[in-house]
């Protein structure tokens, strides 16, 4: 008898009249909002304008969704194009199935298009949104919980996930909640990037590369625990190989970029002056401004008493000069 476990929802969709409200979609949408909100705060802190992150996200998010779905359909094509399958299901994103590798790749392409239209350096934008993407992934993984999918090996640990559905070849039982493992790992990745960015002043795409490398480490061991069908190469799942290759590329980029372009971008958005992005003044700047204003203050604006004293002194001097001449 199991005394403790993580229950699965009885269903992943609720209906508001004829309108379906799907838990998977809600998790994706909430994740996007969190990523844009945090990315906007980080972008402003780096010297950019408010709203720029959201404007570019209008390009990045649709591209990312298409890329994520394409990667999933291509790598698991037998789920949609093998005998007895309906190829129309390939378009049913709400049923689950978004590959993060494709989402990041095409999402980056969409972001590049949006950034290029505004004259913004893509590496600087990527650094600003990197932690937000990790948080979005952490939230999005709960969509797998609603769909009772992508769990790990059978286990009897107290935090085991109780699968109750038998649809799609599922076998009811208790399994490792790999969705939860990846969600927690992504939160850790986001916090790591935020800390490292502050500690080492990462720039020119290195904060984003750190996010990619750290995520790949976690995805490697989590992927190894999963039991859903997947293509294998030399005994390893395809996503494990992808994680390994992408990890090496990210680390290489960090090393090479640090040598060629150390430090951080001085200006991240054209037309925005250096200094506090919100237009406020520091205390020193306000004091200097007040002193300069006082020094440049014309005599006409002097206090009336001072003006009268000066005129009296001038008149007295003229009278004494006239007396001496006479």
Foldseek 3Di string as FASTA:
>chain_A
DAPAEAEFDPAQWDDPDPDIDGNLVVLLVVLLVQLLVQLQVLQLQLQDARPLSVQLQVQLQVQLQVQQLVVQCVFPVCCAPPPPHPVVCSPVCSLDGGHNVRSVVRSLVSSVVSCVVQVFDSLQSLLSRQLSNLLSLLSSLCSCRNNVDFFFAADSPNHWYFDDDPPPNDDTHTTHGLSNQLSVQSNVLSVVLVVCCVVFVDARNLSNLSSLLSSLVSCLVSVVGTDDDADDDPRHGPSNVVSVVSNVVSVVCNVVCCVPPNHHDQHRGPPGDGDNNVPDDDPVVVVVVVVVCVVPPDPVPDDPVVVVVVVVVVVVVVVVVVVVVD
